[in-house]
Amino acid sequence: MVGRTPFVGDPEQNIKDIAKLRGSEDLWEVAKLHDRESSFPVELFDIKYLPSVELQNWCKINTKRPDFFKLIPRSLFDLVDKCLTVNPRQRISAEEALRH
């Protein structure tokens, strides 16, 4: 959707990037479910990571193809947003995604 892979690099950097997009509050909730808070990067304690960004806005800022961006239907953003839900209990299932 933006002309590049959104999360590249080592796992710690990927967690930081996902926190920037989805908000670290959701990540903390999932980490607590699995007793994994201590494995999260220290920077995620910083308040600047707490707010999430709407996927469509993030894509618009990070796209390499602004002309193509305008052609992407809102339903695709909605589907990807549901797939990126941090909490697996709230994330869309494969069956639901196919029906979407």
PDB file of N, CA and C in Angstrom:
ATOM      1  N   MET A   1       0.815  -1.197   0.000  1.00  0.00           N
ATOM      2  CA  MET A   1       0.000   0.000   0.000  1.00  0.00           C
ATOM      3  C   MET A   1       0.860   1.263   0.000  1.00  0.00           C
ATOM      4  N   VAL A   2       2.086   1.154   0.497  1.00  0.00           N
ATOM      5  CA  VAL A   2       2.947   2.332   0.523  1.00  0.00           C
ATOM      6  C   VAL A   2       4.170   2.161  -0.371  1.00  0.00           C
ATOM      7  N   GLY A   3       4.296   1.012  -1.009  1.00  0.00           N
ATOM      8  CA  GLY A   3       5.397   0.790  -1.926  1.00  0.00           C
ATOM      9  C   GLY A   3       6.671   0.299  -1.267  1.00  0.00           C
ATOM     10  N   ARG A   4       6.584  -0.137  -0.017  1.00  0.00           N
ATOM     11  CA  ARG A   4       7.748  -0.679   0.682  1.00  0.00           C
ATOM     12  C   ARG A   4       7.267  -1.577   1.818  1.00  0.00           C
ATOM     13  N   THR A   5       8.176  -2.375   2.341  1.00  0.00           N
ATOM     14  CA  THR A   5       7.858  -3.214   3.486  1.00  0.00           C
ATOM     15  C   THR A   5       7.777  -2.324   4.719  1.00  0.00           C
ATOM     16  N   PRO A   6       6.679  -2.373   5.461  1.00  0.00           N
ATOM     17  CA  PRO A   6       6.523  -1.438   6.582  1.00  0.00           C
ATOM     18  C   PRO A   6       7.413  -1.724   7.787  1.00  0.00           C
ATOM     19  N   PHE A   7       7.705  -2.978   8.061  1.00  0.00           N
ATOM     20  CA  PHE A   7       8.478  -3.313   9.252  1.00  0.00           C
ATOM     21  C   PHE A   7       9.677  -4.160   8.845  1.00  0.00           C
ATOM     22  N   VAL A   8      10.828  -3.532   8.736  1.00  0.00           N
ATOM     23  CA  VAL A   8      12.056  -4.243   8.373  1.00  0.00           C
ATOM     24  C   VAL A   8      13.078  -4.031   9.479  1.00  0.00           C
ATOM     25  N   GLY A   9      13.996  -4.929   9.588  1.00  0.00           N
ATOM     26  CA  GLY A   9      15.031  -4.786  10.603  1.00  0.00           C
ATOM     27  C   GLY A   9      14.914  -5.847  11.668  1.00  0.00           C
ATOM     28  N   ASP A  10      15.601  -5.586  12.753  1.00  0.00           N
ATOM     29  CA  ASP A  10      15.611  -6.559  13.844  1.00  0.00           C
ATOM     30  C   ASP A  10      14.292  -6.511  14.615  1.00  0.00           C
ATOM     31  N   PRO A  11      13.979  -7.572  15.346  1.00  0.00           N
ATOM     32  CA  PRO A  11      12.699  -7.639  16.066  1.00  0.00           C
ATOM     33  C   PRO A  11      12.459  -6.470  17.019  1.00  0.00           C
ATOM     34  N   GLU A  12      13.509  -6.001  17.707  1.00  0.00           N
ATOM     35  CA  GLU A  12      13.329  -4.885  18.635  1.00  0.00           C
ATOM     36  C   GLU A  12      12.890  -3.625  17.893  1.00  0.00           C
ATOM     37  N   GLN A  13      13.505  -3.367  16.735  1.00  0.00           N
ATOM     38  CA  GLN A  13      13.112  -2.200  15.938  1.00  0.00           C
ATOM     39  C   GLN A  13      11.692  -2.367  15.413  1.00  0.00           C
ATOM     40  N   ASN A  14      11.328  -3.580  15.037  1.00  0.00           N
ATOM     41  CA  ASN A  14       9.967  -3.827  14.560  1.00  0.00           C
ATOM     42  C   ASN A  14       8.940  -3.535  15.648  1.00  0.00           C
ATOM     43  N   ILE A  15       9.243  -3.933  16.882  1.00  0.00           N
ATOM     44  CA  ILE A  15       8.327  -3.653  17.991  1.00  0.00           C
ATOM     45  C   ILE A  15       8.170  -2.152  18.172  1.00  0.00           C
ATOM     46  N   LYS A  16       9.279  -1.414  18.071  1.00  0.00           N
ATOM     47  CA  LYS A  16       9.215   0.051  18.194  1.00  0.00           C
ATOM     48  C   LYS A  16       8.356   0.644  17.084  1.00  0.00           C
ATOM     49  N   ASP A  17       8.549   0.156  15.855  1.00  0.00           N
ATOM     50  CA  ASP A  17       7.782   0.683  14.719  1.00  0.00           C
ATOM     51  C   ASP A  17       6.293   0.373  14.857  1.00  0.00           C
ATOM     52  N   ILE A  18       5.975  -0.816  15.309  1.00  0.00           N
ATOM     53  CA  ILE A  18       4.571  -1.174  15.518  1.00  0.00           C
ATOM     54  C   ILE A  18       3.977  -0.319  16.628  1.00  0.00           C
ATOM     55  N   ALA A  19       4.758  -0.064  17.669  1.00  0.00           N
ATOM     56  CA  ALA A  19       4.278   0.792  18.759  1.00  0.00           C
ATOM     57  C   ALA A  19       3.998   2.202  18.256  1.00  0.00           C
ATOM     58  N   LYS A  20       4.831   2.693  17.348  1.00  0.00           N
ATOM     59  CA  LYS A  20       4.600   4.028  16.788  1.00  0.00           C
ATOM     60  C   LYS A  20       3.296   4.073  16.003  1.00  0.00           C
ATOM     61  N   LEU A  21       2.976   2.982  15.334  1.00  0.00           N
ATOM     62  CA  LEU A  21       1.758   2.930  14.529  1.00  0.00           C
ATOM     63  C   LEU A  21       0.528   2.614  15.376  1.00  0.00           C
ATOM     64  N   ARG A  22       0.599   1.572  16.161  1.00  0.00           N
ATOM     65  CA  ARG A  22      -0.573   1.086  16.893  1.00  0.00           C
ATOM     66  C   ARG A  22      -0.728   1.688  18.283  1.00  0.00           C
ATOM     67  N   GLY A  23       0.329   2.285  18.786  1.00  0.00           N
ATOM     68  CA  GLY A  23       0.297   2.811  20.150  1.00  0.00           C
ATOM     69  C   GLY A  23       0.857   1.775  21.105  1.00  0.00           C
ATOM     70  N   SER A  24       1.716   2.194  21.990  1.00  0.00           N
ATOM     71  CA  SER A  24       2.361   1.224  22.873  1.00  0.00           C
ATOM     72  C   SER A  24       1.431   0.715  23.961  1.00  0.00           C
ATOM     73  N   GLU A  25       0.356   1.426  24.220  1.00  0.00           N
ATOM     74  CA  GLU A  25      -0.567   0.978  25.264  1.00  0.00           C
ATOM     75  C   GLU A  25      -1.122  -0.412  24.943  1.00  0.00           C
ATOM     76  N   ASP A  26      -1.528  -0.632  23.690  1.00  0.00           N
ATOM     77  CA  ASP A  26      -2.027  -1.950  23.293  1.00  0.00           C
ATOM     78  C   ASP A  26      -0.936  -3.014  23.400  1.00  0.00           C
ATOM     79  N   LEU A  27       0.290  -2.644  23.017  1.00  0.00           N
ATOM     80  CA  LEU A  27       1.393  -3.595  23.120  1.00  0.00           C
ATOM     81  C   LEU A  27       1.646  -3.992  24.573  1.00  0.00           C
ATOM     82  N   TRP A  28       1.562  -3.018  25.471  1.00  0.00           N
ATOM     83  CA  TRP A  28       1.775  -3.323  26.890  1.00  0.00           C
ATOM     84  C   TRP A  28       0.713  -4.286  27.401  1.00  0.00           C
ATOM     85  N   GLU A  29      -0.519  -4.086  26.973  1.00  0.00           N
ATOM     86  CA  GLU A  29      -1.591  -4.971  27.431  1.00  0.00           C
ATOM     87  C   GLU A  29      -1.333  -6.411  27.004  1.00  0.00           C
ATOM     88  N   VAL A  30      -0.896  -6.593  25.772  1.00  0.00           N
ATOM     89  CA  VAL A  30      -0.605  -7.941  25.278  1.00  0.00           C
ATOM     90  C   VAL A  30       0.623  -8.507  25.988  1.00  0.00           C
ATOM     91  N   ALA A  31       1.637  -7.668  26.203  1.00  0.00           N
ATOM     92  CA  ALA A  31       2.839  -8.128  26.912  1.00  0.00           C
ATOM     93  C   ALA A  31       2.488  -8.601  28.320  1.00  0.00           C
ATOM     94  N   LYS A  32       1.595  -7.877  28.972  1.00  0.00           N
ATOM     95  CA  LYS A  32       1.181  -8.259  30.326  1.00  0.00           C
ATOM     96  C   LYS A  32       0.456  -9.605  30.321  1.00  0.00           C
ATOM     97  N   LEU A  33      -0.332  -9.853  29.274  1.00  0.00           N
ATOM     98  CA  LEU A  33      -1.042 -11.135  29.177  1.00  0.00           C
ATOM     99  C   LEU A  33      -0.072 -12.312  29.172  1.00  0.00           C
ATOM    100  N   HIS A  34       1.112 -12.083  28.605  1.00  0.00           N
ATOM    101  CA  HIS A  34       2.095 -13.157  28.444  1.00  0.00           C
ATOM    102  C   HIS A  34       3.310 -12.994  29.356  1.00  0.00           C
ATOM    103  N   ASP A  35       3.213 -12.088  30.341  1.00  0.00           N
ATOM    104  CA  ASP A  35       4.333 -11.828  31.260  1.00  0.00           C
ATOM    105  C   ASP A  35       5.625 -11.518  30.509  1.00  0.00           C
ATOM    106  N   ARG A  36       5.539 -10.617  29.503  1.00  0.00           N
ATOM    107  CA  ARG A  36       6.706 -10.296  28.675  1.00  0.00           C
ATOM    108  C   ARG A  36       7.104  -8.819  28.728  1.00  0.00           C
ATOM    109  N   GLU A  37       6.620  -8.061  29.706  1.00  0.00           N
ATOM    110  CA  GLU A  37       6.937  -6.632  29.750  1.00  0.00           C
ATOM    111  C   GLU A  37       8.438  -6.376  29.740  1.00  0.00           C
ATOM    112  N   SER A  38       9.193  -7.222  30.422  1.00  0.00           N
ATOM    113  CA  SER A  38      10.634  -6.996  30.542  1.00  0.00           C
ATOM    114  C   SER A  38      11.371  -7.159  29.220  1.00  0.00           C
ATOM    115  N   SER A  39      10.760  -7.804  28.233  1.00  0.00           N
ATOM    116  CA  SER A  39      11.435  -7.996  26.950  1.00  0.00           C
ATOM    117  C   SER A  39      11.186  -6.845  25.981  1.00  0.00           C
ATOM    118  N   PHE A  40      10.383  -5.862  26.390  1.00  0.00           N
ATOM    119  CA  PHE A  40      10.097  -4.725  25.528  1.00  0.00           C
ATOM    120  C   PHE A  40      11.210  -3.694  25.609  1.00  0.00           C
ATOM    121  N   PRO A  41      11.515  -3.011  24.497  1.00  0.00           N
ATOM    122  CA  PRO A  41      12.541  -1.967  24.519  1.00  0.00           C
ATOM    123  C   PRO A  41      12.195  -0.866  25.523  1.00  0.00           C
ATOM    124  N   VAL A  42      13.204  -0.379  26.223  1.00  0.00           N
ATOM    125  CA  VAL A  42      13.022   0.648  27.250  1.00  0.00           C
ATOM    126  C   VAL A  42      12.368   1.902  26.680  1.00  0.00           C
ATOM    127  N   GLU A  43      12.659   2.232  25.432  1.00  0.00           N
ATOM    128  CA  GLU A  43      12.105   3.449  24.821  1.00  0.00           C
ATOM    129  C   GLU A  43      10.582   3.460  24.798  1.00  0.00           C
ATOM    130  N   LEU A  44       9.967   2.297  24.858  1.00  0.00           N
ATOM    131  CA  LEU A  44       8.508   2.244  24.814  1.00  0.00           C
ATOM    132  C   LEU A  44       7.868   2.794  26.083  1.00  0.00           C
ATOM    133  N   PHE A  45       8.683   2.992  27.121  1.00  0.00           N
ATOM    134  CA  PHE A  45       8.162   3.637  28.326  1.00  0.00           C
ATOM    135  C   PHE A  45       7.911   5.116  28.070  1.00  0.00           C
ATOM    136  N   ASP A  46       8.582   5.660  27.053  1.00  0.00           N
ATOM    137  CA  ASP A  46       8.476   7.084  26.732  1.00  0.00           C
ATOM    138  C   ASP A  46       7.063   7.407  26.271  1.00  0.00           C
ATOM    139  N   ILE A  47       6.506   8.479  26.767  1.00  0.00           N
ATOM    140  CA  ILE A  47       5.125   8.886  26.467  1.00  0.00           C
ATOM    141  C   ILE A  47       4.896   9.123  24.975  1.00  0.00           C
ATOM    142  N   LYS A  48       5.933   9.474  24.226  1.00  0.00           N
ATOM    143  CA  LYS A  48       5.736   9.767  22.804  1.00  0.00           C
ATOM    144  C   LYS A  48       5.278   8.540  22.020  1.00  0.00           C
ATOM    145  N   TYR A  49       5.461   7.355  22.555  1.00  0.00           N
ATOM    146  CA  TYR A  49       5.039   6.146  21.857  1.00  0.00           C
ATOM    147  C   TYR A  49       3.601   5.755  22.163  1.00  0.00           C
ATOM    148  N   LEU A  50       2.988   6.378  23.154  1.00  0.00           N
ATOM    149  CA  LEU A  50       1.661   5.943  23.571  1.00  0.00           C
ATOM    150  C   LEU A  50       0.552   6.167  22.555  1.00  0.00           C
ATOM    151  N   PRO A  51       0.453   7.339  21.922  1.00  0.00           N
ATOM    152  CA  PRO A  51      -0.677   7.516  21.013  1.00  0.00           C
ATOM    153  C   PRO A  51      -0.504   6.691  19.739  1.00  0.00           C
ATOM    154  N   SER A  52      -1.607   6.178  19.241  1.00  0.00           N
ATOM    155  CA  SER A  52      -1.556   5.447  17.974  1.00  0.00           C
ATOM    156  C   SER A  52      -1.832   6.408  16.826  1.00  0.00           C
ATOM    157  N   VAL A  53      -1.543   5.954  15.630  1.00  0.00           N
ATOM    158  CA  VAL A  53      -1.757   6.739  14.418  1.00  0.00           C
ATOM    159  C   VAL A  53      -2.734   5.960  13.550  1.00  0.00           C
ATOM    160  N   GLU A  54      -3.648   6.644  12.909  1.00  0.00           N
ATOM    161  CA  GLU A  54      -4.557   5.948  11.995  1.00  0.00           C
ATOM    162  C   GLU A  54      -3.756   5.386  10.831  1.00  0.00           C
ATOM    163  N   LEU A  55      -4.046   4.149  10.470  1.00  0.00           N
ATOM    164  CA  LEU A  55      -3.308   3.473   9.405  1.00  0.00           C
ATOM    165  C   LEU A  55      -3.313   4.286   8.121  1.00  0.00           C
ATOM    166  N   GLN A  56      -4.455   4.818   7.741  1.00  0.00           N
ATOM    167  CA  GLN A  56      -4.546   5.576   6.496  1.00  0.00           C
ATOM    168  C   GLN A  56      -3.626   6.799   6.532  1.00  0.00           C
ATOM    169  N   ASN A  57      -3.563   7.488   7.657  1.00  0.00           N
ATOM    170  CA  ASN A  57      -2.669   8.645   7.782  1.00  0.00           C
ATOM    171  C   ASN A  57      -1.211   8.222   7.733  1.00  0.00           C
ATOM    172  N   TRP A  58      -0.889   7.107   8.392  1.00  0.00           N
ATOM    173  CA  TRP A  58       0.481   6.603   8.375  1.00  0.00           C
ATOM    174  C   TRP A  58       0.905   6.260   6.949  1.00  0.00           C
ATOM    175  N   CYS A  59       0.023   5.591   6.223  1.00  0.00           N
ATOM    176  CA  CYS A  59       0.318   5.221   4.836  1.00  0.00           C
ATOM    177  C   CYS A  59       0.492   6.458   3.963  1.00  0.00           C
ATOM    178  N   LYS A  60      -0.354   7.435   4.164  1.00  0.00           N
ATOM    179  CA  LYS A  60      -0.287   8.661   3.362  1.00  0.00           C
ATOM    180  C   LYS A  60       1.053   9.365   3.558  1.00  0.00           C
ATOM    181  N   ILE A  61       1.525   9.398   4.788  1.00  0.00           N
ATOM    182  CA  ILE A  61       2.805  10.042   5.098  1.00  0.00           C
ATOM    183  C   ILE A  61       3.979   9.239   4.551  1.00  0.00           C
ATOM    184  N   ASN A  62       3.877   7.917   4.570  1.00  0.00           N
ATOM    185  CA  ASN A  62       5.005   7.048   4.227  1.00  0.00           C
ATOM    186  C   ASN A  62       4.973   6.476   2.817  1.00  0.00           C
ATOM    187  N   THR A  63       3.989   6.833   2.023  1.00  0.00           N
ATOM    188  CA  THR A  63       3.890   6.245   0.684  1.00  0.00           C
ATOM    189  C   THR A  63       4.962   6.777  -0.263  1.00  0.00           C
ATOM    190  N   LYS A  64       5.385   5.908  -1.149  1.00  0.00           N
ATOM    191  CA  LYS A  64       6.305   6.304  -2.211  1.00  0.00           C
ATOM    192  C   LYS A  64       5.528   6.631  -3.488  1.00  0.00           C
ATOM    193  N   ARG A  65       4.220   6.327  -3.471  1.00  0.00           N
ATOM    194  CA  ARG A  65       3.397   6.535  -4.659  1.00  0.00           C
ATOM    195  C   ARG A  65       2.118   7.280  -4.313  1.00  0.00           C
ATOM    196  N   PRO A  66       2.172   8.593  -4.105  1.00  0.00           N
ATOM    197  CA  PRO A  66       0.967   9.337  -3.730  1.00  0.00           C
ATOM    198  C   PRO A  66      -0.152   9.223  -4.762  1.00  0.00           C
ATOM    199  N   ASP A  67       0.194   9.063  -6.033  1.00  0.00           N
ATOM    200  CA  ASP A  67      -0.826   8.926  -7.076  1.00  0.00           C
ATOM    201  C   ASP A  67      -1.601   7.613  -6.911  1.00  0.00           C
ATOM    202  N   PHE A  68      -0.900   6.550  -6.557  1.00  0.00           N
ATOM    203  CA  PHE A  68      -1.517   5.246  -6.342  1.00  0.00           C
ATOM    204  C   PHE A  68      -2.321   5.222  -5.047  1.00  0.00           C
ATOM    205  N   PHE A  69      -1.855   5.940  -4.048  1.00  0.00           N
ATOM    206  CA  PHE A  69      -2.498   5.969  -2.733  1.00  0.00           C
ATOM    207  C   PHE A  69      -3.964   6.362  -2.843  1.00  0.00           C
ATOM    208  N   LYS A  70      -4.265   7.282  -3.721  1.00  0.00           N
ATOM    209  CA  LYS A  70      -5.637   7.777  -3.885  1.00  0.00           C
ATOM    210  C   LYS A  70      -6.587   6.699  -4.409  1.00  0.00           C
ATOM    211  N   LEU A  71      -6.051   5.661  -5.029  1.00  0.00           N
ATOM    212  CA  LEU A  71      -6.868   4.599  -5.618  1.00  0.00           C
ATOM    213  C   LEU A  71      -7.188   3.462  -4.644  1.00  0.00           C
ATOM    214  N   ILE A  72      -6.552   3.462  -3.498  1.00  0.00           N
ATOM    215  CA  ILE A  72      -6.751   2.376  -2.534  1.00  0.00           C
ATOM    216  C   ILE A  72      -8.100   2.552  -1.842  1.00  0.00           C
ATOM    217  N   PRO A  73      -8.966   1.543  -1.906  1.00  0.00           N
ATOM    218  CA  PRO A  73     -10.283   1.665  -1.258  1.00  0.00           C
ATOM    219  C   PRO A  73     -10.172   1.662   0.268  1.00  0.00           C
ATOM    220  N   ARG A  74     -11.087   2.364   0.897  1.00  0.00           N
ATOM    221  CA  ARG A  74     -11.110   2.428   2.370  1.00  0.00           C
ATOM    222  C   ARG A  74     -11.251   1.034   2.977  1.00  0.00           C
ATOM    223  N   SER A  75     -11.936   0.147   2.269  1.00  0.00           N
ATOM    224  CA  SER A  75     -12.132  -1.207   2.798  1.00  0.00           C
ATOM    225  C   SER A  75     -10.796  -1.941   2.968  1.00  0.00           C
ATOM    226  N   LEU A  76      -9.812  -1.648   2.115  1.00  0.00           N
ATOM    227  CA  LEU A  76      -8.498  -2.274   2.260  1.00  0.00           C
ATOM    228  C   LEU A  76      -7.797  -1.749   3.516  1.00  0.00           C
ATOM    229  N   PHE A  77      -7.889  -0.447   3.752  1.00  0.00           N
ATOM    230  CA  PHE A  77      -7.311   0.113   4.979  1.00  0.00           C
ATOM    231  C   PHE A  77      -7.964  -0.518   6.201  1.00  0.00           C
ATOM    232  N   ASP A  78      -9.274  -0.684   6.145  1.00  0.00           N
ATOM    233  CA  ASP A  78     -10.003  -1.276   7.259  1.00  0.00           C
ATOM    234  C   ASP A  78      -9.532  -2.708   7.510  1.00  0.00           C
ATOM    235  N   LEU A  79      -9.371  -3.483   6.438  1.00  0.00           N
ATOM    236  CA  LEU A  79      -8.924  -4.866   6.570  1.00  0.00           C
ATOM    237  C   LEU A  79      -7.516  -4.935   7.160  1.00  0.00           C
ATOM    238  N   VAL A  80      -6.598  -4.164   6.620  1.00  0.00           N
ATOM    239  CA  VAL A  80      -5.216  -4.179   7.121  1.00  0.00           C
ATOM    240  C   VAL A  80      -5.177  -3.720   8.575  1.00  0.00           C
ATOM    241  N   ASP A  81      -5.965  -2.703   8.895  1.00  0.00           N
ATOM    242  CA  ASP A  81      -6.029  -2.214  10.269  1.00  0.00           C
ATOM    243  C   ASP A  81      -6.481  -3.326  11.216  1.00  0.00           C
ATOM    244  N   LYS A  82      -7.482  -4.092  10.802  1.00  0.00           N
ATOM    245  CA  LYS A  82      -7.978  -5.194  11.634  1.00  0.00           C
ATOM    246  C   LYS A  82      -6.942  -6.312  11.747  1.00  0.00           C
ATOM    247  N   CYS A  83      -6.158  -6.529  10.695  1.00  0.00           N
ATOM    248  CA  CYS A  83      -5.102  -7.543  10.731  1.00  0.00           C
ATOM    249  C   CYS A  83      -3.949  -7.121  11.643  1.00  0.00           C
ATOM    250  N   LEU A  84      -3.737  -5.820  11.784  1.00  0.00           N
ATOM    251  CA  LEU A  84      -2.653  -5.303  12.622  1.00  0.00           C
ATOM    252  C   LEU A  84      -3.057  -5.093  14.080  1.00  0.00           C
ATOM    253  N   THR A  85      -4.258  -5.490  14.436  1.00  0.00           N
ATOM    254  CA  THR A  85      -4.680  -5.369  15.829  1.00  0.00           C
ATOM    255  C   THR A  85      -3.698  -6.150  16.693  1.00  0.00           C
ATOM    256  N   VAL A  86      -3.141  -5.490  17.678  1.00  0.00           N
ATOM    257  CA  VAL A  86      -2.078  -6.077  18.487  1.00  0.00           C
ATOM    258  C   VAL A  86      -2.566  -7.254  19.324  1.00  0.00           C
ATOM    259  N   ASN A  87      -3.704  -7.114  19.942  1.00  0.00           N
ATOM    260  CA  ASN A  87      -4.223  -8.174  20.803  1.00  0.00           C
ATOM    261  C   ASN A  87      -4.802  -9.293  19.939  1.00  0.00           C
ATOM    262  N   PRO A  88      -4.219 -10.489  19.986  1.00  0.00           N
ATOM    263  CA  PRO A  88      -4.704 -11.577  19.132  1.00  0.00           C
ATOM    264  C   PRO A  88      -6.150 -11.976  19.416  1.00  0.00           C
ATOM    265  N   ARG A  89      -6.614 -11.697  20.622  1.00  0.00           N
ATOM    266  CA  ARG A  89      -8.004 -12.024  20.962  1.00  0.00           C
ATOM    267  C   ARG A  89      -8.988 -11.086  20.274  1.00  0.00           C
ATOM    268  N   GLN A  90      -8.514  -9.916  19.884  1.00  0.00           N
ATOM    269  CA  GLN A  90      -9.373  -8.933  19.219  1.00  0.00           C
ATOM    270  C   GLN A  90      -9.111  -8.849  17.717  1.00  0.00           C
ATOM    271  N   ARG A  91      -8.027  -9.467  17.256  1.00  0.00           N
ATOM    272  CA  ARG A  91      -7.638  -9.417  15.847  1.00  0.00           C
ATOM    273  C   ARG A  91      -8.624 -10.199  14.987  1.00  0.00           C
ATOM    274  N   ILE A  92      -8.815  -9.756  13.766  1.00  0.00           N
ATOM    275  CA  ILE A  92      -9.695 -10.420  12.811  1.00  0.00           C
ATOM    276  C   ILE A  92      -9.140 -11.821  12.498  1.00  0.00           C
ATOM    277  N   SER A  93     -10.025 -12.789  12.367  1.00  0.00           N
ATOM    278  CA  SER A  93      -9.589 -14.152  12.026  1.00  0.00           C
ATOM    279  C   SER A  93      -9.385 -14.251  10.517  1.00  0.00           C
ATOM    280  N   ALA A  94      -8.729 -15.316  10.082  1.00  0.00           N
ATOM    281  CA  ALA A  94      -8.513 -15.526   8.650  1.00  0.00           C
ATOM    282  C   ALA A  94      -9.849 -15.654   7.922  1.00  0.00           C
ATOM    283  N   GLU A  95     -10.778 -16.364   8.526  1.00  0.00           N
ATOM    284  CA  GLU A  95     -12.102 -16.535   7.920  1.00  0.00           C
ATOM    285  C   GLU A  95     -12.820 -15.189   7.792  1.00  0.00           C
ATOM    286  N   GLU A  96     -12.762 -14.382   8.838  1.00  0.00           N
ATOM    287  CA  GLU A  96     -13.395 -13.056   8.792  1.00  0.00           C
ATOM    288  C   GLU A  96     -12.721 -12.168   7.752  1.00  0.00           C
ATOM    289  N   ALA A  97     -11.402 -12.284   7.640  1.00  0.00           N
ATOM    290  CA  ALA A  97     -10.663 -11.480   6.660  1.00  0.00           C
ATOM    291  C   ALA A  97     -11.076 -11.845   5.238  1.00  0.00           C
ATOM    292  N   LEU A  98     -11.258 -13.129   4.985  1.00  0.00           N
ATOM    293  CA  LEU A  98     -11.687 -13.556   3.650  1.00  0.00           C
ATOM    294  C   LEU A  98     -13.090 -13.047   3.318  1.00  0.00           C
ATOM    295  N   ARG A  99     -13.941 -12.968   4.318  1.00  0.00           N
ATOM    296  CA  ARG A  99     -15.298 -12.456   4.094  1.00  0.00           C
ATOM    297  C   ARG A  99     -15.319 -10.934   3.967  1.00  0.00           C
ATOM    298  N   HIS A 100     -14.322 -10.296   4.500  1.00  0.00           N
ATOM    299  CA  HIS A 100     -14.261  -8.835   4.500  1.00  0.00           C
ATOM    300  C   HIS A 100     -14.250  -8.367   3.065  1.00  0.00           C
TER     301      HIS A 100
END
